[in-house]
Amino acid sequence: MPGHRSVAGSIKQMSREQLVDAYLRGAISRRRLIRGLVAAGVSLAAANAYSYLVPERVAASPGSYNLSDEAQPPASPPPPPPRPDRATARRGPALTLQASRSGRRVRATVSSDEAADFVVSAVTKSGALATRSFRLGSAGTRKLTLRLPQDAPRRIGVVARATDDAGLFSKAQVSLNAR
């Protein structure tokens, strides 16, 4: 555009009215309008507001509206979803287990803070001696009895495992000795 350099070079010496007029004629870009208005003492917020109010008249006025020096910021990708940390990570149901042994009977009380499927077993190092499974439809407590085989060792463990509907689980364990 002829004369573009001379207008751009003298922006600092132009009045507010002259800057707006040059912008309307297409002699300067929006960026140069804002820079010139700020240099002339207009606040940045007001200069930015000017640049958005004036383009409606620019379309109707003769001359070109050159935006070639206004770079459009590249579209940034959306931020990645936050990773759960240990404080917010989902855990299995809170599980409590109490057990006592009398001869070949093991009495266990199991409770949970949510609905879950349970498996309770009397175990030794070599494997399970007795197992029961059940479902609690909501938070609650259940008492049960496990019958041990005649040759059960004096020392056993009772293990409870609760699995919620999301597939998360918790385990609790108690060691018992025969009386």
Protein backbone atom coordinates (compact mmCIF):
# COMPACT_ATOMS: atom_id res chain seq x y z
CA MET A 1 0.00 0.00 0.00
CA PRO A 2 1.64 3.29 -1.02
CA GLY A 3 2.34 5.66 1.80
CA HIS A 4 1.83 2.93 4.41
CA ARG A 5 5.32 3.40 5.83
CA SER A 6 5.00 7.14 6.20
CA VAL A 7 1.72 6.80 8.11
CA ALA A 8 3.12 4.05 10.29
CA GLY A 9 6.29 5.98 10.98
CA SER A 10 4.38 9.03 12.13
CA ILE A 11 1.84 7.27 14.36
CA LYS A 12 3.33 8.76 17.51
CA GLN A 13 2.74 12.28 16.18
CA MET A 14 -0.91 11.66 15.19
CA SER A 15 -3.88 12.76 17.30
CA ARG A 16 -6.57 10.35 18.41
CA GLU A 17 -8.92 11.58 15.69
CA GLN A 18 -6.24 11.18 13.01
CA LEU A 19 -5.50 7.61 14.21
CA VAL A 20 -9.17 6.63 14.05
CA ASP A 21 -9.49 8.26 10.62
CA ALA A 22 -6.42 6.37 9.31
CA TYR A 23 -7.85 3.15 10.72
CA LEU A 24 -11.20 3.79 9.04
CA ARG A 25 -9.47 4.42 5.73
CA GLY A 26 -7.54 1.19 6.09
CA ALA A 27 -4.20 3.01 6.25
CA ILE A 28 -3.26 1.36 9.57
CA SER A 29 -4.13 -1.95 11.17
CA ARG A 30 -6.01 -2.54 14.39
CA ARG A 31 -2.75 -3.26 16.19
CA ARG A 32 -1.24 0.03 15.06
CA LEU A 33 -4.44 1.86 16.05
CA ILE A 34 -4.20 0.47 19.58
CA ARG A 35 -0.48 1.24 19.85
CA GLY A 36 -1.01 4.78 18.58
CA LEU A 37 -3.92 5.45 20.95
CA VAL A 38 -1.91 4.17 23.92
CA ALA A 39 1.04 6.36 22.85
CA ALA A 40 -1.40 9.31 22.68
CA GLY A 41 -2.39 8.74 26.33
CA VAL A 42 -5.51 6.57 25.98
CA SER A 43 -5.66 3.63 28.40
CA LEU A 44 -5.13 0.18 26.90
CA ALA A 45 -8.68 -0.87 27.81
CA ALA A 46 -10.16 2.19 26.09
CA ALA A 47 -7.93 1.75 23.01
CA ASN A 48 -9.00 -1.89 22.75
CA ALA A 49 -12.66 -0.86 23.06
CA TYR A 50 -12.17 1.72 20.25
CA SER A 51 -10.80 -0.96 17.96
CA TYR A 52 -13.87 -3.13 18.43
CA LEU A 53 -16.40 -0.32 17.97
CA VAL A 54 -14.93 1.10 14.79
CA PRO A 55 -14.75 -1.95 12.41
CA GLU A 56 -18.48 -1.80 11.70
CA ARG A 57 -17.89 1.54 10.02
CA VAL A 58 -14.73 0.30 8.31
CA ALA A 59 -16.68 -2.17 6.21
CA ALA A 60 -18.82 0.68 4.88
CA SER A 61 -15.92 3.06 4.26
CA PRO A 62 -13.75 3.06 1.14
CA GLY A 63 -10.18 1.78 1.33
CA SER A 64 -8.70 -1.48 2.42
CA TYR A 65 -8.83 -3.02 5.83
CA ASN A 66 -5.43 -4.70 6.03
CA LEU A 67 -4.95 -7.11 8.90
CA SER A 68 -1.81 -8.71 7.52
CA ASP A 69 0.33 -7.58 10.46
CA GLU A 70 -2.13 -8.89 13.06
CA ALA A 71 -1.10 -12.37 13.99
CA GLN A 72 -3.86 -14.67 15.14
CA PRO A 73 -2.83 -16.74 18.13
CA PRO A 74 -2.73 -20.44 17.33
CA ALA A 75 -5.58 -22.44 18.76
CA SER A 76 -4.31 -24.14 21.87
CA PRO A 77 -5.29 -27.73 22.58
CA PRO A 78 -7.52 -28.31 25.58
CA PRO A 79 -5.64 -29.01 28.79
CA PRO A 80 -5.22 -32.65 29.75
CA PRO A 81 -7.60 -33.98 32.39
CA PRO A 82 -6.21 -33.79 35.90
CA ARG A 83 -4.49 -36.88 37.20
CA PRO A 84 -5.89 -38.12 40.47
CA ASP A 85 -3.45 -37.86 43.31
CA ARG A 86 -3.41 -40.08 46.33
CA ALA A 87 -5.73 -37.77 48.26
CA THR A 88 -8.48 -37.98 45.61
CA ALA A 89 -7.83 -41.48 44.27
CA ARG A 90 -10.80 -43.82 44.65
CA ARG A 91 -10.36 -46.59 47.18
CA GLY A 92 -12.22 -49.80 47.89
CA PRO A 93 -14.87 -50.05 50.58
CA ALA A 94 -13.85 -49.43 54.18
CA LEU A 95 -13.82 -52.88 55.76
CA THR A 96 -13.70 -54.05 59.36
CA LEU A 97 -13.30 -57.63 60.54
CA GLN A 98 -13.64 -59.10 64.01
CA ALA A 99 -13.23 -62.83 64.61
CA SER A 100 -13.07 -65.33 67.45
CA ARG A 101 -12.50 -69.07 67.56
CA SER A 102 -14.10 -71.69 69.72
CA GLY A 103 -13.02 -75.24 68.85
CA ARG A 104 -13.89 -75.86 65.21
CA ARG A 105 -16.04 -72.75 64.89
CA VAL A 106 -14.86 -69.33 63.81
CA ARG A 107 -17.34 -66.51 64.36
CA ALA A 108 -16.68 -63.44 62.22
CA THR A 109 -18.32 -60.04 62.04
CA VAL A 110 -17.73 -58.07 58.86
CA SER A 111 -18.83 -54.51 58.16
CA SER A 112 -18.46 -52.11 55.25
CA ASP A 113 -19.29 -48.48 54.46
CA GLU A 114 -20.91 -49.35 51.10
CA ALA A 115 -22.56 -52.13 49.13
CA ALA A 116 -20.07 -54.88 48.28
CA ASP A 117 -19.48 -58.56 47.62
CA PHE A 118 -17.61 -60.32 50.43
CA VAL A 119 -15.47 -63.42 50.71
CA VAL A 120 -14.45 -64.51 54.23
CA SER A 121 -11.99 -67.39 54.64
CA ALA A 122 -10.22 -69.22 57.42
CA VAL A 123 -6.69 -69.84 56.12
CA THR A 124 -3.33 -71.36 56.95
CA LYS A 125 -0.03 -71.11 55.12
CA SER A 126 -1.02 -74.13 53.06
CA GLY A 127 -4.43 -72.81 51.91
CA ALA A 128 -8.07 -72.15 52.79
CA LEU A 129 -9.80 -74.26 55.44
CA ALA A 130 -13.31 -72.80 55.11
CA THR A 131 -14.85 -70.05 52.99
CA ARG A 132 -18.16 -68.17 52.85
CA SER A 133 -19.26 -65.47 50.43
CA PHE A 134 -22.19 -63.06 50.52
CA ARG A 135 -23.36 -59.65 49.35
CA LEU A 136 -24.33 -56.63 51.40
CA GLY A 137 -26.76 -54.48 49.37
CA SER A 138 -25.82 -51.35 51.32
CA ALA A 139 -23.49 -50.25 54.10
CA GLY A 140 -23.88 -52.54 57.07
CA THR A 141 -22.66 -55.45 59.19
CA ARG A 142 -23.01 -59.22 58.88
CA LYS A 143 -22.17 -62.01 61.31
CA LEU A 144 -21.25 -65.46 60.06
CA THR A 145 -19.80 -68.75 61.26
CA LEU A 146 -17.10 -70.79 59.53
CA ARG A 147 -16.75 -74.50 60.36
CA LEU A 148 -13.18 -75.72 60.40
CA PRO A 149 -12.11 -79.31 59.55
CA GLN A 150 -11.19 -81.61 62.44
CA ASP A 151 -7.49 -81.47 61.65
CA ALA A 152 -7.33 -77.65 61.59
CA PRO A 153 -4.12 -76.28 63.14
CA ARG A 154 -4.23 -74.25 66.37
CA ARG A 155 -3.08 -71.06 64.65
CA ILE A 156 -5.18 -69.80 61.71
CA GLY A 157 -5.89 -66.55 59.95
CA VAL A 158 -9.26 -65.11 58.99
CA VAL A 159 -9.25 -63.00 55.84
CA ALA A 160 -12.11 -60.88 54.51
CA ARG A 161 -12.18 -59.28 51.08
CA ALA A 162 -14.83 -56.74 49.99
CA THR A 163 -15.27 -55.77 46.32
CA ASP A 164 -17.54 -52.85 45.42
CA ASP A 165 -19.55 -52.35 42.22
CA ALA A 166 -16.65 -50.46 40.59
CA GLY A 167 -14.34 -53.46 41.08
CA LEU A 168 -12.28 -51.81 43.83
CA PHE A 169 -11.48 -54.00 46.81
CA SER A 170 -10.26 -53.94 50.39
CA LYS A 171 -8.84 -56.69 52.59
CA ALA A 172 -8.73 -57.24 56.34
CA GLN A 173 -7.01 -60.03 58.27
CA VAL A 174 -7.09 -61.37 61.85
CA SER A 175 -4.85 -64.08 63.40
CA LEU A 176 -6.47 -66.56 65.83
CA ASN A 177 -5.23 -69.30 68.17
CA ALA A 178 -7.35 -72.21 69.39
CA ARG A 179 -8.43 -72.04 73.03
